[in-house]
Protein backbone atom coordinates (compact mmCIF):
# COMPACT_ATOMS: atom_id res chain seq x y z
CA MET A 1 28.22 25.62 26.29
CA LYS A 2 29.07 26.76 22.77
CA LYS A 3 27.26 23.66 21.53
CA THR A 4 24.18 24.80 23.43
CA ILE A 5 24.31 28.19 21.75
CA ALA A 6 24.82 26.59 18.35
CA ILE A 7 21.82 24.31 18.90
CA ALA A 8 19.66 27.28 19.88
CA LEU A 9 20.74 29.15 16.77
CA LEU A 10 20.07 26.13 14.60
CA LEU A 11 16.58 25.63 16.04
CA ILE A 12 15.63 29.24 15.44
CA CYS A 13 16.89 29.09 11.86
CA LEU A 14 15.07 25.84 11.19
CA ILE A 15 11.81 27.20 12.53
CA THR A 16 11.94 30.46 10.60
CA HIS A 17 13.51 29.10 7.42
CA ALA A 18 11.07 28.56 4.56
CA GLN A 19 11.40 27.74 0.92
CA SER A 20 8.85 29.02 -1.57
CA VAL A 21 6.95 25.73 -1.13
CA ARG A 22 7.29 23.36 1.84
CA LYS A 23 6.01 19.85 2.35
CA TYR A 24 5.26 20.56 6.03
CA SER A 25 3.96 23.99 6.92
CA ASN A 26 1.53 25.25 9.57
CA GLU A 27 1.41 21.70 10.89
CA PHE A 28 -0.22 22.79 14.15
CA MET A 29 -3.42 23.25 12.11
CA ASN A 30 -3.39 19.51 11.31
CA ILE A 31 -3.30 18.19 14.90
CA GLY A 32 -7.06 18.07 15.24
CA VAL A 33 -9.66 19.26 17.74
CA ASP A 34 -12.39 17.72 19.90
CA ALA A 35 -11.63 14.64 21.99
CA ALA A 36 -14.56 12.80 20.40
CA ALA A 37 -13.02 13.10 16.94
CA LEU A 38 -9.49 12.35 18.16
CA GLY A 39 -10.74 9.17 19.85
CA MET A 40 -11.93 8.03 16.41
CA SER A 41 -8.56 8.84 14.79
CA ASN A 42 -10.02 11.94 13.07
CA ALA A 43 -12.17 9.85 10.72
CA VAL A 44 -15.06 12.31 10.95
CA THR A 45 -15.10 14.13 7.60
CA ALA A 46 -18.34 12.52 6.43
CA PHE A 47 -20.53 12.82 9.53
CA THR A 48 -19.27 15.72 11.67
CA GLY A 49 -22.26 17.86 12.57
CA ASP A 50 -21.62 20.21 15.49
CA VAL A 51 -19.65 23.31 16.46
CA ASN A 52 -16.38 21.46 15.79
CA SER A 53 -17.34 21.03 12.13
CA GLY A 54 -15.75 24.42 11.50
CA TYR A 55 -12.44 22.56 11.77
CA TRP A 56 -13.28 19.11 10.38
CA ASN A 57 -15.70 20.02 7.59
CA PRO A 58 -17.58 23.34 7.66
CA ALA A 59 -20.50 21.80 5.75
CA GLY A 60 -21.45 19.99 8.97
CA LEU A 61 -22.34 23.25 10.73
CA LEU A 62 -25.80 22.99 9.17
CA LYS A 63 -26.66 20.16 11.55
CA ILE A 64 -26.55 22.52 14.54
CA GLU A 65 -30.04 23.12 15.89
CA ASP A 66 -29.40 26.51 17.49
CA SER A 67 -25.98 27.57 18.82
CA GLU A 68 -23.08 25.66 20.37
CA ALA A 69 -19.72 26.32 22.00
CA SER A 70 -16.72 24.04 22.48
CA LEU A 71 -13.47 24.08 24.47
CA MET A 72 -10.47 21.75 24.45
CA HIS A 73 -7.07 21.59 26.14
CA ALA A 74 -4.22 19.16 25.58
CA SER A 75 -0.56 18.94 26.62
CA TYR A 76 2.12 17.52 24.37
CA PHE A 77 5.75 16.43 24.82
CA ALA A 78 5.52 15.84 28.58
CA ASN A 79 3.64 19.12 29.16
CA ILE A 80 6.23 21.20 27.32
CA ALA A 81 3.74 22.33 24.66
CA GLN A 82 0.18 23.47 25.33
CA TYR A 83 -2.60 23.11 22.77
CA ASP A 84 -5.85 25.01 23.26
CA TYR A 85 -8.99 25.37 21.17
CA ALA A 86 -12.25 27.31 21.45
CA ALA A 87 -15.17 27.52 19.02
CA TYR A 88 -18.64 28.96 18.63
CA ALA A 89 -21.24 28.27 15.94
CA LYS A 90 -24.80 29.39 15.29
CA LYS A 91 -27.51 28.49 12.82
CA ILE A 92 -28.69 31.42 10.69
CA ASP A 93 -31.74 29.76 9.15
CA ASP A 94 -32.78 26.36 7.77
CA ARG A 95 -30.23 26.58 4.96
CA SER A 96 -27.23 28.38 6.45
CA ALA A 97 -24.99 28.55 9.51
CA TRP A 98 -21.75 30.22 10.59
CA GLY A 99 -18.98 29.57 13.09
CA VAL A 100 -15.71 30.88 14.45
CA SER A 101 -12.80 29.07 16.13
CA LEU A 102 -9.37 29.80 17.59
CA ILE A 103 -6.42 27.42 18.00
CA ARG A 104 -3.24 28.11 19.97
CA PHE A 105 -0.21 25.82 20.06
CA GLY A 106 2.59 27.23 22.17
CA VAL A 107 5.74 26.56 24.16
CA ASP A 108 6.35 29.09 26.93
CA ASP A 109 9.34 30.06 29.09
CA ILE A 110 12.04 28.84 26.70
CA LEU A 111 15.59 29.62 27.89
CA ASN A 112 17.42 32.00 25.58
CA THR A 113 21.12 31.24 26.11
CA THR A 114 22.40 33.01 22.99
CA GLN A 115 23.85 35.81 25.14
CA LEU A 116 25.13 33.57 27.92
CA ILE A 117 28.79 34.30 27.11
CA ASP A 118 29.83 37.94 27.23
CA SER A 119 32.28 39.69 24.93
CA GLU A 120 35.22 38.63 27.13
CA GLY A 121 34.33 34.96 27.03
CA ASN A 122 32.87 34.79 30.55
CA ILE A 123 29.71 32.88 31.39
CA ASP A 124 27.10 35.13 32.95
CA TYR A 125 23.86 33.39 33.92
CA ASN A 126 22.19 36.76 34.44
CA ARG A 127 22.24 37.13 30.66
CA ILE A 128 19.79 34.24 30.25
CA SER A 129 16.30 35.38 29.30
CA LEU A 130 12.99 33.69 28.57
CA PHE A 131 10.85 33.74 25.46
CA SER A 132 7.78 31.96 24.09
CA THR A 133 6.85 30.60 20.71
CA ALA A 134 3.21 30.29 19.75
CA ASP A 135 1.11 29.52 16.68
CA TYR A 136 -2.43 30.87 16.34
CA GLY A 137 -5.12 29.85 13.86
CA PHE A 138 -8.31 31.90 13.58
CA THR A 139 -11.05 30.43 11.38
CA LEU A 140 -14.32 31.94 10.20
CA SER A 141 -16.73 29.36 8.74
CA TYR A 142 -19.91 29.53 6.68
CA ALA A 143 -22.16 26.64 5.59
CA ARG A 144 -25.01 26.51 3.09
CA ARG A 145 -27.54 23.96 1.83
CA PRO A 146 -28.41 24.41 -1.87
CA THR A 147 -31.96 23.89 -3.10
CA LEU A 148 -31.16 21.91 -6.24
CA ILE A 149 -29.67 18.70 -4.77
CA GLU A 150 -31.36 17.03 -1.82
CA GLY A 151 -28.95 15.83 0.89
CA LEU A 152 -26.05 18.03 -0.25
CA GLN A 153 -24.47 20.80 1.82
CA TYR A 154 -21.24 22.74 1.55
CA GLY A 155 -19.08 25.02 3.66
CA VAL A 156 -16.05 27.29 3.40
CA ASN A 157 -13.40 28.42 5.89
CA ALA A 158 -11.37 31.63 5.82
CA LYS A 159 -8.24 31.20 7.96
CA ILE A 160 -5.82 33.71 9.45
CA ILE A 161 -2.53 32.30 10.72
CA ARG A 162 -0.33 34.11 13.23
CA ARG A 163 3.03 32.64 14.30
CA VAL A 164 5.37 34.24 16.83
CA ILE A 165 8.87 33.17 17.89
CA GLY A 166 9.75 35.45 20.80
CA GLU A 167 11.27 38.70 19.61
CA PHE A 168 13.12 36.95 16.81
CA ALA A 169 10.48 36.47 14.13
CA SER A 170 6.75 36.51 13.43
CA SER A 171 4.47 35.83 10.48
CA TRP A 172 0.96 36.34 9.12
CA GLY A 173 -0.77 33.89 6.83
CA PHE A 174 -4.12 33.56 5.07
CA GLY A 175 -5.91 30.68 3.35
CA PHE A 176 -9.21 28.93 2.54
CA ASP A 177 -10.78 25.50 3.09
CA PHE A 178 -13.78 24.02 1.30
CA GLY A 179 -15.98 21.13 2.42
CA LEU A 180 -18.90 19.06 1.12
CA GLN A 181 -21.23 16.56 2.76
CA TYR A 182 -23.85 14.36 1.12
CA GLU A 183 -26.30 11.96 2.75
CA SER A 184 -28.23 9.22 0.94
CA SER A 185 -29.94 6.08 2.26
CA ASP A 186 -28.28 6.37 5.70
CA TRP A 187 -24.83 6.61 4.11
CA ARG A 188 -22.87 9.79 4.63
CA TYR A 189 -20.09 11.08 2.39
CA GLY A 190 -17.70 13.95 2.93
CA ILE A 191 -14.92 15.87 1.19
CA MET A 192 -12.65 18.38 2.90
CA LEU A 193 -10.14 20.39 0.86
CA ARG A 194 -7.67 22.22 3.09
CA ASP A 195 -5.65 25.23 1.92
CA ILE A 196 -7.28 25.01 -1.50
CA THR A 197 -5.66 28.27 -2.63
CA THR A 198 -2.49 27.39 -0.70
CA THR A 199 -1.96 29.23 2.60
CA TYR A 200 0.64 31.95 2.20
CA ASN A 201 2.74 33.00 5.21
CA VAL A 202 4.97 36.07 5.25
CA TRP A 203 7.69 36.22 7.93
CA ALA A 204 9.15 39.34 9.50
CA ILE A 205 12.58 38.74 11.05
CA ASP A 206 14.11 41.11 13.59
CA GLU A 207 17.44 41.84 11.92
CA ASP A 208 19.07 43.15 15.12
CA LYS A 209 18.13 40.04 17.10
CA TYR A 210 19.26 37.87 14.23
CA GLU A 211 22.68 39.56 14.17
CA GLU A 212 23.01 39.10 17.94
CA ILE A 213 22.36 35.38 17.61
CA ARG A 214 24.72 34.98 14.66
CA ASP A 215 27.49 36.92 16.39
CA ALA A 216 27.11 34.77 19.53
CA VAL A 217 28.64 31.82 17.68
CA ALA A 218 32.10 32.58 16.37
CA GLY A 219 32.88 31.62 12.79
CA GLN A 220 29.24 31.39 11.70
CA ASN A 221 28.12 33.03 8.46
CA GLN A 222 24.47 32.05 8.39
CA GLU A 223 22.47 33.73 5.64
CA PRO A 224 19.08 35.18 6.61
CA PRO A 225 16.23 32.72 6.06
CA GLU A 226 13.58 33.12 3.38
CA SER A 227 10.65 35.30 4.34
CA THR A 228 7.81 33.44 2.58
CA GLU A 229 6.19 30.08 3.19
CA ILE A 230 3.44 28.31 1.26
CA THR A 231 1.25 25.52 2.66
CA LEU A 232 0.25 23.03 -0.03
CA PRO A 233 -3.36 21.81 -0.37
CA LYS A 234 -4.55 18.60 1.30
CA ALA A 235 -7.68 16.55 0.76
CA GLN A 236 -9.74 14.29 3.03
CA LEU A 237 -12.38 11.89 1.73
CA GLY A 238 -14.75 10.24 4.15
CA ILE A 239 -17.62 7.77 4.29
CA ALA A 240 -19.70 6.79 7.33
CA LYS A 241 -22.81 4.84 8.32
CA LYS A 242 -24.72 4.62 11.57
CA PHE A 243 -26.35 1.36 12.65
CA ASP A 244 -29.19 1.18 15.20
CA PHE A 245 -29.73 -1.83 17.47
CA HIS A 246 -32.86 -2.29 19.61
CA TYR A 247 -33.48 1.48 19.69
CA ASP A 248 -31.03 2.04 22.57
CA TYR A 249 -27.73 1.04 20.97
CA THR A 250 -25.94 2.57 17.99
CA LEU A 251 -22.71 1.89 16.16
CA LEU A 252 -21.14 4.56 13.97
CA ALA A 253 -18.44 3.36 11.55
CA ALA A 254 -16.34 5.84 9.56
CA VAL A 255 -13.39 5.72 7.18
CA ASN A 256 -11.18 8.57 6.03
CA LEU A 257 -8.58 8.80 3.27
CA ASN A 258 -6.21 11.66 4.12
CA MET A 259 -4.26 12.78 1.06
CA GLN A 260 -1.25 15.01 0.51
CA PHE A 261 -0.13 15.93 -2.97
CA ALA A 262 3.53 15.11 -2.43
CA ARG A 263 5.61 12.07 -1.49
CA THR A 264 5.61 11.45 2.26
CA ASN A 265 6.05 8.47 4.59
CA ASP A 266 2.35 7.62 4.37
CA VAL A 267 1.61 3.93 3.83
CA PHE A 268 0.50 4.65 0.23
CA ALA A 269 2.92 7.13 -1.31
CA SER A 270 3.83 8.37 -4.78
CA ASP A 271 5.23 11.54 -6.26
CA ALA A 272 1.69 12.67 -7.16
CA VAL A 273 -0.24 11.83 -3.99
CA SER A 274 0.27 10.13 -0.62
CA ILE A 275 -2.64 8.53 1.26
CA ASP A 276 -3.01 7.83 4.97
CA PRO A 277 -6.21 5.87 5.82
CA ALA A 278 -8.02 6.18 9.16
CA LEU A 279 -10.81 4.10 10.69
CA GLY A 280 -13.08 5.16 13.56
CA LEU A 281 -15.86 3.47 15.54
CA GLU A 282 -18.31 4.92 18.05
CA PHE A 283 -20.60 2.78 20.17
CA GLY A 284 -23.46 4.72 21.77
CA TYR A 285 -26.09 3.96 24.37
CA THR A 286 -29.32 6.04 24.40
CA ASP A 287 -27.39 9.04 23.09
CA LEU A 288 -25.98 9.35 26.60
CA VAL A 289 -22.75 7.31 26.83
CA PHE A 290 -20.22 6.78 24.04
CA LEU A 291 -17.24 4.46 23.66
CA ARG A 292 -14.86 5.24 20.79
CA ALA A 293 -11.86 3.67 19.12
CA GLY A 294 -9.83 4.42 16.03
CA VAL A 295 -6.61 3.72 14.20
CA GLY A 296 -4.75 5.95 11.76
CA ASN A 297 -1.47 7.70 11.00
CA PHE A 298 -0.11 4.71 9.06
CA GLN A 299 3.53 5.53 8.30
CA ASN A 300 6.42 3.69 6.64
CA VAL A 301 9.31 3.94 9.10
CA GLU A 302 12.85 2.92 8.18
CA GLN A 303 14.52 0.71 10.79
CA ILE A 304 18.16 0.68 11.86
CA ASP A 305 18.91 -2.33 9.66
CA GLY A 306 17.50 -0.54 6.62
CA SER A 307 14.22 -2.45 6.53
CA ARG A 308 10.87 -0.66 6.59
CA LYS A 309 8.06 -1.14 9.05
CA VAL A 310 4.51 0.21 9.06
CA ASN A 311 3.72 2.11 12.26
CA PHE A 312 0.23 3.24 13.18
CA GLN A 313 -1.49 5.21 15.91
CA PRO A 314 -4.40 3.66 17.84
CA ASN A 315 -6.73 5.82 19.93
CA ILE A 316 -9.61 5.26 22.34
CA GLY A 317 -12.12 7.60 23.93
CA LEU A 318 -15.16 8.05 26.14
CA GLY A 319 -18.02 10.53 26.03
CA PHE A 320 -20.94 11.54 28.23
CA LYS A 321 -23.87 13.70 27.14
CA TYR A 322 -26.60 15.07 29.36
CA LYS A 323 -29.09 17.90 28.77
CA GLY A 324 -27.04 19.60 26.06
CA ILE A 325 -23.66 19.29 27.78
CA GLN A 326 -21.17 16.77 26.39
CA VAL A 327 -17.80 15.92 27.96
CA ASP A 328 -15.34 13.81 25.96
CA TYR A 329 -12.01 12.18 26.70
CA ALA A 330 -9.46 10.65 24.33
CA LEU A 331 -6.26 8.72 24.92
CA THR A 332 -4.23 9.02 21.74
CA ASP A 333 -1.37 6.83 20.52
CA LEU A 334 -2.39 3.89 22.68
CA GLY A 335 0.26 1.17 22.73
CA ASP A 336 3.05 3.47 21.54
CA GLN A 337 2.86 2.23 17.94
CA SER A 338 4.06 5.56 16.53
CA ALA A 339 6.95 7.86 17.34
CA ALA A 340 4.71 10.34 19.19
CA LEU A 341 3.98 10.09 22.91
CA TYR A 342 0.44 9.35 24.06
CA SER A 343 -1.70 12.25 25.24
CA ASN A 344 -4.74 12.64 27.49
CA ILE A 345 -7.22 15.02 25.87
CA PHE A 346 -10.41 16.48 27.31
CA SER A 347 -13.04 18.61 25.59
CA VAL A 348 -16.45 19.98 26.42
CA LYS A 349 -19.29 20.96 24.10
CA VAL A 350 -22.37 22.90 25.16
CA ASP A 351 -25.69 23.45 23.40
CA LEU A 352 -26.25 27.07 24.41
CA SER A 353 -30.01 26.83 23.88
CA ILE A 354 -30.31 25.09 27.27
CA PHE A 355 -29.67 28.44 28.98
CA ARG A 356 -32.71 30.06 27.43
């Protein structure tokens, strides 16, 4: 049982501990939204053009005709973690649009066994309590089309991050994203710069709770974790083209290069930048039925014998659109090529002008 308490203490310290700069920070904001995009392995930077553009590339909000809303729910790790997303966007005029979105990634009803053993060494199950940990991302987006360059549009996100770990610790963070899209001769290009100013999180740790946890494990002298955390910038470059066949059939092909400015396990990695490519395809019929597929998350994984193998994550998806209502489904990590478990993801998008 002492091992259980030690593991709980270690997990809490790992979650709240932060150096001045971390390679992985606020990772829940990188999972992605919208089953249509996830079915194409997130390779949507260049062509995204609906309410979900506030997440993928805010420049795409300008393609909204009036106003739209979107909802998504997904379960991860055998339903242990719940991931929810909601968004709304509206066109202001012919050259501007705005949007707002909220993401929640949480694990609820976690057993807190740090006080399981009383001061006399007895196990008392009545001392077990429950707590939740949740991450929230609130994004306000604005998009604009300049008059000087035809086919160019840009957008910016202002993000507020809220992270809560029961009564033990919580943090606030703030950051910006910037996106561009350009269309020429049926080719579409996109750039998305995430956390361009770095996203700065400040943690507040309940000292009393921290002392209770530390005292629960005899012989431990754990120093309090750092209270600041910085999310480094990331960049996504995209290119896409849509092909029409016999008026009724379309094929959308898109490629993304997802870059981090640090060495990671991405298939192309260096000390300066690491690149993870992604490819997505969408086959459409009369703008009514869509079949999607994608592959991405190419990672170098070290095997037991010391050799290295490239793992990747394939995805597939379906979509149906009728009178302004679109329902999408994605099955991610098809074939178990990566370390993550597959997930069934559903989302719905509504053109709110149909209610007028």
